Amino acid sequence: MRRKVSAKEAVEPTEKKRPGRKPMTAEEREAAAKLRAAEKEKADNLKPVLILQYQGADVDMAALAEAAKADFRSQKKRTLITDLKLYVKPEEHTAYYVINGSAKGKVSF
């Protein structure tokens, strides 16, 4: 069975609402852009927290790097640190470091 369409319905189509969010005002767009820029800045400067777990012990890698820097500075106070390589041997509970390509040392954890 077909429904009969009146002349009024045939001439004036009903406007369908599209699902989704409503348009933002200029102030809302500006606030959203600032929020997005802040999130992007935070993401670009992300420094991950690295934790080594071995035989039930947790070692924070950032703290280990700071300990290596402190050990190096105790020997050479005025030398700037431009490069740090950290080699962790959890079975020995020791981290070996090479700073600026030549200075070597170790720290226990």
PDB file of N, CA and C in Angstrom:
ATOM      1  N   MET A   1       0.833  -1.175   0.000  1.00  0.00           N
ATOM      2  CA  MET A   1       0.000   0.000   0.000  1.00  0.00           C
ATOM      3  C   MET A   1       0.878   1.237   0.000  1.00  0.00           C
ATOM      4  N   ARG A   2       0.558   2.095  -0.861  1.00  0.00           N
ATOM      5  CA  ARG A   2       1.278   3.342  -0.968  1.00  0.00           C
ATOM      6  C   ARG A   2       0.498   4.434  -0.277  1.00  0.00           C
ATOM      7  N   ARG A   3       1.271   5.295   0.333  1.00  0.00           N
ATOM      8  CA  ARG A   3       0.661   6.432   1.001  1.00  0.00           C
ATOM      9  C   ARG A   3       0.519   7.545  -0.013  1.00  0.00           C
ATOM     10  N   LYS A   4      -0.551   8.237   0.057  1.00  0.00           N
ATOM     11  CA  LYS A   4      -0.772   9.335  -0.858  1.00  0.00           C
ATOM     12  C   LYS A   4      -0.013  10.551  -0.353  1.00  0.00           C
ATOM     13  N   VAL A   5       0.682  11.213  -1.249  1.00  0.00           N
ATOM     14  CA  VAL A   5       1.448  12.401  -0.913  1.00  0.00           C
ATOM     15  C   VAL A   5       0.613  13.601  -1.298  1.00  0.00           C
ATOM     16  N   SER A   6       0.439  14.490  -0.331  1.00  0.00           N
ATOM     17  CA  SER A   6      -0.341  15.688  -0.624  1.00  0.00           C
ATOM     18  C   SER A   6       0.503  16.662  -1.422  1.00  0.00           C
ATOM     19  N   ALA A   7      -0.107  17.632  -2.003  1.00  0.00           N
ATOM     20  CA  ALA A   7       0.584  18.630  -2.813  1.00  0.00           C
ATOM     21  C   ALA A   7       1.512  19.467  -1.955  1.00  0.00           C
ATOM     22  N   LYS A   8       1.148  19.732  -0.729  1.00  0.00           N
ATOM     23  CA  LYS A   8       1.979  20.531   0.174  1.00  0.00           C
ATOM     24  C   LYS A   8       3.273  19.793   0.518  1.00  0.00           C
ATOM     25  N   GLU A   9       3.191  18.499   0.778  1.00  0.00           N
ATOM     26  CA  GLU A   9       4.372  17.707   1.100  1.00  0.00           C
ATOM     27  C   GLU A   9       5.288  17.558  -0.108  1.00  0.00           C
ATOM     28  N   ALA A  10       4.741  17.494  -1.279  1.00  0.00           N
ATOM     29  CA  ALA A  10       5.528  17.344  -2.489  1.00  0.00           C
ATOM     30  C   ALA A  10       6.297  18.612  -2.809  1.00  0.00           C
ATOM     31  N   VAL A  11       5.731  19.778  -2.492  1.00  0.00           N
ATOM     32  CA  VAL A  11       6.372  21.045  -2.796  1.00  0.00           C
ATOM     33  C   VAL A  11       7.422  21.405  -1.746  1.00  0.00           C
ATOM     34  N   GLU A  12       7.131  21.211  -0.477  1.00  0.00           N
ATOM     35  CA  GLU A  12       8.027  21.592   0.613  1.00  0.00           C
ATOM     36  C   GLU A  12       8.677  20.349   1.219  1.00  0.00           C
ATOM     37  N   PRO A  13       9.887  20.031   0.804  1.00  0.00           N
ATOM     38  CA  PRO A  13      10.548  18.875   1.430  1.00  0.00           C
ATOM     39  C   PRO A  13      10.960  19.234   2.859  1.00  0.00           C
ATOM     40  N   THR A  14      10.851  18.283   3.709  1.00  0.00           N
ATOM     41  CA  THR A  14      11.230  18.537   5.103  1.00  0.00           C
ATOM     42  C   THR A  14      12.748  18.566   5.200  1.00  0.00           C
ATOM     43  N   GLU A  15      13.251  19.467   6.009  1.00  0.00           N
ATOM     44  CA  GLU A  15      14.695  19.622   6.176  1.00  0.00           C
ATOM     45  C   GLU A  15      15.185  18.574   7.172  1.00  0.00           C
ATOM     46  N   LYS A  16      16.158  17.789   6.742  1.00  0.00           N
ATOM     47  CA  LYS A  16      16.693  16.762   7.626  1.00  0.00           C
ATOM     48  C   LYS A  16      17.841  17.353   8.422  1.00  0.00           C
ATOM     49  N   LYS A  17      17.862  17.056   9.691  1.00  0.00           N
ATOM     50  CA  LYS A  17      18.965  17.495  10.547  1.00  0.00           C
ATOM     51  C   LYS A  17      20.089  16.492  10.407  1.00  0.00           C
ATOM     52  N   ARG A  18      21.301  17.027  10.232  1.00  0.00           N
ATOM     53  CA  ARG A  18      22.459  16.166  10.125  1.00  0.00           C
ATOM     54  C   ARG A  18      23.024  15.934  11.515  1.00  0.00           C
ATOM     55  N   PRO A  19      23.374  14.697  11.826  1.00  0.00           N
ATOM     56  CA  PRO A  19      23.952  14.439  13.141  1.00  0.00           C
ATOM     57  C   PRO A  19      25.358  15.015  13.224  1.00  0.00           C
ATOM     58  N   GLY A  20      25.785  15.299  14.424  1.00  0.00           N
ATOM     59  CA  GLY A  20      27.136  15.818  14.617  1.00  0.00           C
ATOM     60  C   GLY A  20      27.123  16.977  15.596  1.00  0.00           C
ATOM     61  N   ARG A  21      28.237  17.622  15.676  1.00  0.00           N
ATOM     62  CA  ARG A  21      28.337  18.711  16.639  1.00  0.00           C
ATOM     63  C   ARG A  21      27.925  20.024  15.996  1.00  0.00           C
ATOM     64  N   LYS A  22      27.527  20.939  16.841  1.00  0.00           N
ATOM     65  CA  LYS A  22      27.102  22.239  16.329  1.00  0.00           C
ATOM     66  C   LYS A  22      28.332  23.088  16.016  1.00  0.00           C
ATOM     67  N   PRO A  23      28.210  24.032  15.126  1.00  0.00           N
ATOM     68  CA  PRO A  23      29.347  24.886  14.765  1.00  0.00           C
ATOM     69  C   PRO A  23      29.835  25.698  15.965  1.00  0.00           C
ATOM     70  N   MET A  24      31.162  25.923  15.996  1.00  0.00           N
ATOM     71  CA  MET A  24      31.751  26.671  17.108  1.00  0.00           C
ATOM     72  C   MET A  24      31.760  28.160  16.786  1.00  0.00           C
ATOM     73  N   THR A  25      31.718  28.944  17.836  1.00  0.00           N
ATOM     74  CA  THR A  25      31.842  30.385  17.669  1.00  0.00           C
ATOM     75  C   THR A  25      33.322  30.722  17.513  1.00  0.00           C
ATOM     76  N   ALA A  26      33.617  31.971  17.186  1.00  0.00           N
ATOM     77  CA  ALA A  26      35.005  32.394  16.997  1.00  0.00           C
ATOM     78  C   ALA A  26      35.799  32.252  18.290  1.00  0.00           C
ATOM     79  N   GLU A  27      35.179  32.589  19.421  1.00  0.00           N
ATOM     80  CA  GLU A  27      35.868  32.462  20.716  1.00  0.00           C
ATOM     81  C   GLU A  27      36.161  31.003  21.033  1.00  0.00           C
ATOM     82  N   GLU A  28      35.197  30.125  20.736  1.00  0.00           N
ATOM     83  CA  GLU A  28      35.402  28.703  20.998  1.00  0.00           C
ATOM     84  C   GLU A  28      36.500  28.134  20.100  1.00  0.00           C
ATOM     85  N   ARG A  29      36.538  28.574  18.824  1.00  0.00           N
ATOM     86  CA  ARG A  29      37.583  28.119  17.918  1.00  0.00           C
ATOM     87  C   ARG A  29      38.958  28.569  18.393  1.00  0.00           C
ATOM     88  N   GLU A  30      39.040  29.816  18.872  1.00  0.00           N
ATOM     89  CA  GLU A  30      40.318  30.337  19.368  1.00  0.00           C
ATOM     90  C   GLU A  30      40.772  29.577  20.609  1.00  0.00           C
ATOM     91  N   ALA A  31      39.840  29.301  21.524  1.00  0.00           N
ATOM     92  CA  ALA A  31      40.174  28.552  22.739  1.00  0.00           C
ATOM     93  C   ALA A  31      40.596  27.123  22.390  1.00  0.00           C
ATOM     94  N   ALA A  32      39.918  26.505  21.435  1.00  0.00           N
ATOM     95  CA  ALA A  32      40.263  25.150  21.021  1.00  0.00           C
ATOM     96  C   ALA A  32      41.636  25.125  20.352  1.00  0.00           C
ATOM     97  N   ALA A  33      41.952  26.163  19.565  1.00  0.00           N
ATOM     98  CA  ALA A  33      43.264  26.235  18.916  1.00  0.00           C
ATOM     99  C   ALA A  33      44.375  26.391  19.943  1.00  0.00           C
ATOM    100  N   LYS A  34      44.139  27.208  20.978  1.00  0.00           N
ATOM    101  CA  LYS A  34      45.135  27.379  22.040  1.00  0.00           C
ATOM    102  C   LYS A  34      45.341  26.076  22.798  1.00  0.00           C
ATOM    103  N   LEU A  35      44.256  25.380  23.090  1.00  0.00           N
ATOM    104  CA  LEU A  35      44.344  24.103  23.792  1.00  0.00           C
ATOM    105  C   LEU A  35      45.104  23.081  22.952  1.00  0.00           C
ATOM    106  N   ARG A  36      44.814  23.036  21.661  1.00  0.00           N
ATOM    107  CA  ARG A  36      45.492  22.101  20.761  1.00  0.00           C
ATOM    108  C   ARG A  36      46.979  22.436  20.659  1.00  0.00           C
ATOM    109  N   ALA A  37      47.313  23.727  20.611  1.00  0.00           N
ATOM    110  CA  ALA A  37      48.719  24.139  20.536  1.00  0.00           C
ATOM    111  C   ALA A  37      49.465  23.737  21.806  1.00  0.00           C
ATOM    112  N   ALA A  38      48.806  23.881  22.966  1.00  0.00           N
ATOM    113  CA  ALA A  38      49.435  23.486  24.227  1.00  0.00           C
ATOM    114  C   ALA A  38      49.655  21.974  24.271  1.00  0.00           C
ATOM    115  N   GLU A  39      48.669  21.206  23.797  1.00  0.00           N
ATOM    116  CA  GLU A  39      48.818  19.751  23.769  1.00  0.00           C
ATOM    117  C   GLU A  39      49.933  19.332  22.809  1.00  0.00           C
ATOM    118  N   LYS A  40      50.032  20.009  21.658  1.00  0.00           N
ATOM    119  CA  LYS A  40      51.075  19.697  20.684  1.00  0.00           C
ATOM    120  C   LYS A  40      52.454  20.015  21.243  1.00  0.00           C
ATOM    121  N   GLU A  41      52.580  21.135  21.958  1.00  0.00           N
ATOM    122  CA  GLU A  41      53.850  21.510  22.581  1.00  0.00           C
ATOM    123  C   GLU A  41      54.262  20.452  23.605  1.00  0.00           C
ATOM    124  N   LYS A  42      53.295  20.004  24.389  1.00  0.00           N
ATOM    125  CA  LYS A  42      53.579  18.976  25.396  1.00  0.00           C
ATOM    126  C   LYS A  42      53.998  17.670  24.721  1.00  0.00           C
ATOM    127  N   ALA A  43      53.341  17.310  23.634  1.00  0.00           N
ATOM    128  CA  ALA A  43      53.677  16.075  22.918  1.00  0.00           C
ATOM    129  C   ALA A  43      55.045  16.171  22.252  1.00  0.00           C
ATOM    130  N   ASP A  44      55.388  17.350  21.734  1.00  0.00           N
ATOM    131  CA  ASP A  44      56.684  17.519  21.081  1.00  0.00           C
ATOM    132  C   ASP A  44      57.836  17.437  22.074  1.00  0.00           C
ATOM    133  N   ASN A  45      57.596  17.826  23.319  1.00  0.00           N
ATOM    134  CA  ASN A  45      58.639  17.830  24.343  1.00  0.00           C
ATOM    135  C   ASN A  45      58.520  16.637  25.282  1.00  0.00           C
ATOM    136  N   LEU A  46      57.899  15.577  24.819  1.00  0.00           N
ATOM    137  CA  LEU A  46      57.682  14.392  25.641  1.00  0.00           C
ATOM    138  C   LEU A  46      59.002  13.733  26.013  1.00  0.00           C
ATOM    139  N   LYS A  47      59.170  13.498  27.286  1.00  0.00           N
ATOM    140  CA  LYS A  47      60.322  12.746  27.772  1.00  0.00           C
ATOM    141  C   LYS A  47      59.761  11.529  28.499  1.00  0.00           C
ATOM    142  N   PRO A  48      59.949  10.364  27.920  1.00  0.00           N
ATOM    143  CA  PRO A  48      59.361   9.170  28.532  1.00  0.00           C
ATOM    144  C   PRO A  48      60.040   8.812  29.853  1.00  0.00           C
ATOM    145  N   VAL A  49      59.283   8.212  30.725  1.00  0.00           N
ATOM    146  CA  VAL A  49      59.830   7.700  31.980  1.00  0.00           C
ATOM    147  C   VAL A  49      60.222   6.257  31.721  1.00  0.00           C
ATOM    148  N   LEU A  50      61.521   5.965  31.845  1.00  0.00           N
ATOM    149  CA  LEU A  50      62.027   4.623  31.595  1.00  0.00           C
ATOM    150  C   LEU A  50      62.386   3.970  32.915  1.00  0.00           C
ATOM    151  N   ILE A  51      61.829   2.798  33.134  1.00  0.00           N
ATOM    152  CA  ILE A  51      62.080   2.067  34.376  1.00  0.00           C
ATOM    153  C   ILE A  51      62.511   0.650  34.003  1.00  0.00           C
ATOM    154  N   LEU A  52      63.648   0.248  34.537  1.00  0.00           N
ATOM    155  CA  LEU A  52      64.162  -1.089  34.303  1.00  0.00           C
ATOM    156  C   LEU A  52      63.714  -1.987  35.451  1.00  0.00           C
ATOM    157  N   GLN A  53      63.074  -3.096  35.113  1.00  0.00           N
ATOM    158  CA  GLN A  53      62.665  -4.061  36.118  1.00  0.00           C
ATOM    159  C   GLN A  53      63.477  -5.333  35.906  1.00  0.00           C
ATOM    160  N   TYR A  54      64.130  -5.764  36.989  1.00  0.00           N
ATOM    161  CA  TYR A  54      64.949  -6.959  36.892  1.00  0.00           C
ATOM    162  C   TYR A  54      64.985  -7.635  38.246  1.00  0.00           C
ATOM    163  N   GLN A  55      64.580  -8.873  38.311  1.00  0.00           N
ATOM    164  CA  GLN A  55      64.566  -9.689  39.519  1.00  0.00           C
ATOM    165  C   GLN A  55      63.941  -8.962  40.697  1.00  0.00           C
ATOM    166  N   GLY A  56      62.779  -8.389  40.466  1.00  0.00           N
ATOM    167  CA  GLY A  56      62.028  -7.752  41.538  1.00  0.00           C
ATOM    168  C   GLY A  56      62.492  -6.362  41.914  1.00  0.00           C
ATOM    169  N   ALA A  57      63.478  -5.827  41.252  1.00  0.00           N
ATOM    170  CA  ALA A  57      63.962  -4.481  41.564  1.00  0.00           C
ATOM    171  C   ALA A  57      63.587  -3.532  40.432  1.00  0.00           C
ATOM    172  N   ASP A  58      63.199  -2.315  40.788  1.00  0.00           N
ATOM    173  CA  ASP A  58      62.886  -1.277  39.810  1.00  0.00           C
ATOM    174  C   ASP A  58      63.967  -0.210  39.862  1.00  0.00           C
ATOM    175  N   VAL A  59      64.459   0.179  38.688  1.00  0.00           N
ATOM    176  CA  VAL A  59      65.484   1.214  38.608  1.00  0.00           C
ATOM    177  C   VAL A  59      64.998   2.279  37.631  1.00  0.00           C
ATOM    178  N   ASP A  60      64.917   3.511  38.103  1.00  0.00           N
ATOM    179  CA  ASP A  60      64.519   4.629  37.262  1.00  0.00           C
ATOM    180  C   ASP A  60      65.716   5.051  36.423  1.00  0.00           C
ATOM    181  N   MET A  61      65.570   5.001  35.110  1.00  0.00           N
ATOM    182  CA  MET A  61      66.688   5.290  34.216  1.00  0.00           C
ATOM    183  C   MET A  61      67.096   6.762  34.271  1.00  0.00           C
ATOM    184  N   ALA A  62      66.147   7.664  34.506  1.00  0.00           N
ATOM    185  CA  ALA A  62      66.493   9.090  34.608  1.00  0.00           C
ATOM    186  C   ALA A  62      67.358   9.334  35.836  1.00  0.00           C
ATOM    187  N   ALA A  63      67.028   8.676  36.941  1.00  0.00           N
ATOM    188  CA  ALA A  63      67.836   8.812  38.154  1.00  0.00           C
ATOM    189  C   ALA A  63      69.228   8.215  37.937  1.00  0.00           C
ATOM    190  N   LEU A  64      69.280   7.138  37.170  1.00  0.00           N
ATOM    191  CA  LEU A  64      70.563   6.511  36.867  1.00  0.00           C
ATOM    192  C   LEU A  64      71.424   7.424  35.989  1.00  0.00           C
ATOM    193  N   ALA A  65      70.809   8.091  35.032  1.00  0.00           N
ATOM    194  CA  ALA A  65      71.537   9.047  34.186  1.00  0.00           C
ATOM    195  C   ALA A  65      72.037  10.221  35.021  1.00  0.00           C
ATOM    196  N   GLU A  66      71.227  10.708  35.944  1.00  0.00           N
ATOM    197  CA  GLU A  66      71.662  11.805  36.818  1.00  0.00           C
ATOM    198  C   GLU A  66      72.804  11.361  37.726  1.00  0.00           C
ATOM    199  N   ALA A  67      72.767  10.113  38.186  1.00  0.00           N
ATOM    200  CA  ALA A  67      73.860   9.589  39.014  1.00  0.00           C
ATOM    201  C   ALA A  67      75.155   9.510  38.202  1.00  0.00           C
ATOM    202  N   ALA A  68      75.048   9.117  36.930  1.00  0.00           N
ATOM    203  CA  ALA A  68      76.233   9.062  36.065  1.00  0.00           C
ATOM    204  C   ALA A  68      76.796  10.464  35.839  1.00  0.00           C
ATOM    205  N   LYS A  69      75.913  11.458  35.635  1.00  0.00           N
ATOM    206  CA  LYS A  69      76.366  12.839  35.460  1.00  0.00           C
ATOM    207  C   LYS A  69      77.043  13.354  36.725  1.00  0.00           C
ATOM    208  N   ALA A  70      76.464  13.036  37.879  1.00  0.00           N
ATOM    209  CA  ALA A  70      77.049  13.481  39.149  1.00  0.00           C
ATOM    210  C   ALA A  70      78.415  12.846  39.368  1.00  0.00           C
ATOM    211  N   ASP A  71      78.544  11.557  39.030  1.00  0.00           N
ATOM    212  CA  ASP A  71      79.831  10.884  39.167  1.00  0.00           C
ATOM    213  C   ASP A  71      80.878  11.523  38.258  1.00  0.00           C
ATOM    214  N   PHE A  72      80.488  11.849  37.037  1.00  0.00           N
ATOM    215  CA  PHE A  72      81.408  12.502  36.105  1.00  0.00           C
ATOM    216  C   PHE A  72      81.802  13.889  36.608  1.00  0.00           C
ATOM    217  N   ARG A  73      80.836  14.637  37.115  1.00  0.00           N
ATOM    218  CA  ARG A  73      81.121  15.994  37.602  1.00  0.00           C
ATOM    219  C   ARG A  73      81.997  15.989  38.848  1.00  0.00           C
ATOM    220  N   SER A  74      81.973  14.907  39.613  1.00  0.00           N
ATOM    221  CA  SER A  74      82.847  14.830  40.777  1.00  0.00           C
ATOM    222  C   SER A  74      84.313  14.716  40.337  1.00  0.00           C
ATOM    223  N   GLN A  75      84.536  14.201  39.135  1.00  0.00           N
ATOM    224  CA  GLN A  75      85.893  14.066  38.611  1.00  0.00           C
ATOM    225  C   GLN A  75      86.311  15.280  37.781  1.00  0.00           C
ATOM    226  N   LYS A  76      85.408  15.747  36.931  1.00  0.00           N
ATOM    227  CA  LYS A  76      85.703  16.877  36.042  1.00  0.00           C
ATOM    228  C   LYS A  76      84.599  17.909  36.198  1.00  0.00           C
ATOM    229  N   LYS A  77      84.839  18.877  37.052  1.00  0.00           N
ATOM    230  CA  LYS A  77      83.792  19.821  37.431  1.00  0.00           C
ATOM    231  C   LYS A  77      83.421  20.810  36.337  1.00  0.00           C
ATOM    232  N   ARG A  78      84.357  21.216  35.522  1.00  0.00           N
ATOM    233  CA  ARG A  78      84.099  22.296  34.574  1.00  0.00           C
ATOM    234  C   ARG A  78      83.781  21.819  33.167  1.00  0.00           C
ATOM    235  N   THR A  79      83.812  20.536  32.916  1.00  0.00           N
ATOM    236  CA  THR A  79      83.550  20.007  31.580  1.00  0.00           C
ATOM    237  C   THR A  79      82.040  19.893  31.355  1.00  0.00           C
ATOM    238  N   LEU A  80      81.572  20.439  30.236  1.00  0.00           N
ATOM    239  CA  LEU A  80      80.160  20.327  29.885  1.00  0.00           C
ATOM    240  C   LEU A  80      79.861  18.936  29.347  1.00  0.00           C
ATOM    241  N   ILE A  81      78.687  18.453  29.656  1.00  0.00           N
ATOM    242  CA  ILE A  81      78.263  17.143  29.167  1.00  0.00           C
ATOM    243  C   ILE A  81      77.423  17.368  27.913  1.00  0.00           C
ATOM    244  N   THR A  82      77.953  16.937  26.782  1.00  0.00           N
ATOM    245  CA  THR A  82      77.228  17.090  25.523  1.00  0.00           C
ATOM    246  C   THR A  82      76.702  15.769  24.989  1.00  0.00           C
ATOM    247  N   ASP A  83      77.222  14.666  25.486  1.00  0.00           N
ATOM    248  CA  ASP A  83      76.806  13.351  25.009  1.00  0.00           C
ATOM    249  C   ASP A  83      76.904  12.363  26.171  1.00  0.00           C
ATOM    250  N   LEU A  84      75.868  11.561  26.349  1.00  0.00           N
ATOM    251  CA  LEU A  84      75.860  10.575  27.423  1.00  0.00           C
ATOM    252  C   LEU A  84      75.311   9.267  26.880  1.00  0.00           C
ATOM    253  N   LYS A  85      76.095   8.220  27.002  1.00  0.00           N
ATOM    254  CA  LYS A  85      75.653   6.875  26.647  1.00  0.00           C
ATOM    255  C   LYS A  85      75.688   6.052  27.921  1.00  0.00           C
ATOM    256  N   LEU A  86      74.597   5.385  28.193  1.00  0.00           N
ATOM    257  CA  LEU A  86      74.455   4.624  29.425  1.00  0.00           C
ATOM    258  C   LEU A  86      74.238   3.157  29.066  1.00  0.00           C
ATOM    259  N   TYR A  87      75.090   2.287  29.570  1.00  0.00           N
ATOM    260  CA  TYR A  87      75.001   0.849  29.340  1.00  0.00           C
ATOM    261  C   TYR A  87      74.658   0.192  30.663  1.00  0.00           C
ATOM    262  N   VAL A  88      73.472  -0.407  30.730  1.00  0.00           N
ATOM    263  CA  VAL A  88      72.976  -0.969  31.991  1.00  0.00           C
ATOM    264  C   VAL A  88      73.155  -2.479  31.974  1.00  0.00           C
ATOM    265  N   LYS A  89      73.782  -2.988  33.035  1.00  0.00           N
ATOM    266  CA  LYS A  89      73.933  -4.430  33.214  1.00  0.00           C
ATOM    267  C   LYS A  89      73.199  -4.797  34.498  1.00  0.00           C
ATOM    268  N   PRO A  90      71.934  -5.170  34.394  1.00  0.00           N
ATOM    269  CA  PRO A  90      71.146  -5.431  35.600  1.00  0.00           C
ATOM    270  C   PRO A  90      71.651  -6.623  36.405  1.00  0.00           C
ATOM    271  N   GLU A  91      72.264  -7.605  35.736  1.00  0.00           N
ATOM    272  CA  GLU A  91      72.765  -8.761  36.492  1.00  0.00           C
ATOM    273  C   GLU A  91      73.918  -8.378  37.409  1.00  0.00           C
ATOM    274  N   GLU A  92      74.626  -7.274  37.094  1.00  0.00           N
ATOM    275  CA  GLU A  92      75.712  -6.789  37.950  1.00  0.00           C
ATOM    276  C   GLU A  92      75.275  -5.615  38.820  1.00  0.00           C
ATOM    277  N   HIS A  93      74.044  -5.163  38.659  1.00  0.00           N
ATOM    278  CA  HIS A  93      73.513  -3.974  39.360  1.00  0.00           C
ATOM    279  C   HIS A  93      74.430  -2.776  39.136  1.00  0.00           C
ATOM    280  N   THR A  94      74.882  -2.615  37.901  1.00  0.00           N
ATOM    281  CA  THR A  94      75.820  -1.553  37.555  1.00  0.00           C
ATOM    282  C   THR A  94      75.426  -0.937  36.218  1.00  0.00           C
ATOM    283  N   ALA A  95      75.647   0.356  36.098  1.00  0.00           N
ATOM    284  CA  ALA A  95      75.468   1.050  34.827  1.00  0.00           C
ATOM    285  C   ALA A  95      76.803   1.671  34.452  1.00  0.00           C
ATOM    286  N   TYR A  96      77.244   1.395  33.254  1.00  0.00           N
ATOM    287  CA  TYR A  96      78.488   1.965  32.745  1.00  0.00           C
ATOM    288  C   TYR A  96      78.120   3.141  31.851  1.00  0.00           C
ATOM    289  N   TYR A  97      78.915   4.188  31.890  1.00  0.00           N
ATOM    290  CA  TYR A  97      78.604   5.352  31.074  1.00  0.00           C
ATOM    291  C   TYR A  97      79.828   5.809  30.297  1.00  0.00           C
ATOM    292  N   VAL A  98      79.547   6.452  29.160  1.00  0.00           N
ATOM    293  CA  VAL A  98      80.561   7.116  28.349  1.00  0.00           C
ATOM    294  C   VAL A  98      80.032   8.521  28.113  1.00  0.00           C
ATOM    295  N   ILE A  99      80.794   9.510  28.557  1.00  0.00           N
ATOM    296  CA  ILE A  99      80.377  10.902  28.422  1.00  0.00           C
ATOM    297  C   ILE A  99      81.324  11.603  27.461  1.00  0.00           C
ATOM    298  N   ASN A 100      80.740  12.339  26.525  1.00  0.00           N
ATOM    299  CA  ASN A 100      81.465  13.097  25.508  1.00  0.00           C
ATOM    300  C   ASN A 100      82.391  12.207  24.675  1.00  0.00           C
ATOM    301  N   GLY A 101      82.069  10.944  24.564  1.00  0.00           N
ATOM    302  CA  GLY A 101      82.821  10.033  23.710  1.00  0.00           C
ATOM    303  C   GLY A 101      84.111   9.499  24.283  1.00  0.00           C
ATOM    304  N   SER A 102      84.573  10.035  25.420  1.00  0.00           N
ATOM    305  CA  SER A 102      85.868   9.575  25.917  1.00  0.00           C
ATOM    306  C   SER A 102      85.870   9.257  27.422  1.00  0.00           C
ATOM    307  N   ALA A 103      85.172   9.984  28.227  1.00  0.00           N
ATOM    308  CA  ALA A 103      85.196   9.762  29.668  1.00  0.00           C
ATOM    309  C   ALA A 103      84.314   8.558  30.016  1.00  0.00           C
ATOM    310  N   LYS A 104      84.901   7.601  30.721  1.00  0.00           N
ATOM    311  CA  LYS A 104      84.187   6.364  31.063  1.00  0.00           C
ATOM    312  C   LYS A 104      84.102   6.240  32.573  1.00  0.00           C
ATOM    313  N   GLY A 105      83.056   5.566  33.014  1.00  0.00           N
ATOM    314  CA  GLY A 105      82.895   5.329  34.443  1.00  0.00           C
ATOM    315  C   GLY A 105      81.747   4.380  34.680  1.00  0.00           C
ATOM    316  N   LYS A 106      81.447   4.149  35.946  1.00  0.00           N
ATOM    317  CA  LYS A 106      80.333   3.274  36.287  1.00  0.00           C
ATOM    318  C   LYS A 106      79.694   3.747  37.584  1.00  0.00           C
ATOM    319  N   VAL A 107      78.407   3.430  37.712  1.00  0.00           N
ATOM    320  CA  VAL A 107      77.653   3.714  38.933  1.00  0.00           C
ATOM    321  C   VAL A 107      76.843   2.465  39.277  1.00  0.00           C
ATOM    322  N   SER A 108      76.727   2.217  40.542  1.00  0.00           N
ATOM    323  CA  SER A 108      75.929   1.087  41.022  1.00  0.00           C
ATOM    324  C   SER A 108      74.528   1.568  41.326  1.00  0.00           C
ATOM    325  N   PHE A 109      73.595   0.622  41.248  1.00  0.00           N
ATOM    326  CA  PHE A 109      72.217   0.959  41.633  1.00  0.00           C
ATOM    327  C   PHE A 109      71.652  -0.078  42.537  1.00  0.00           C
TER     328      PHE A 109
END
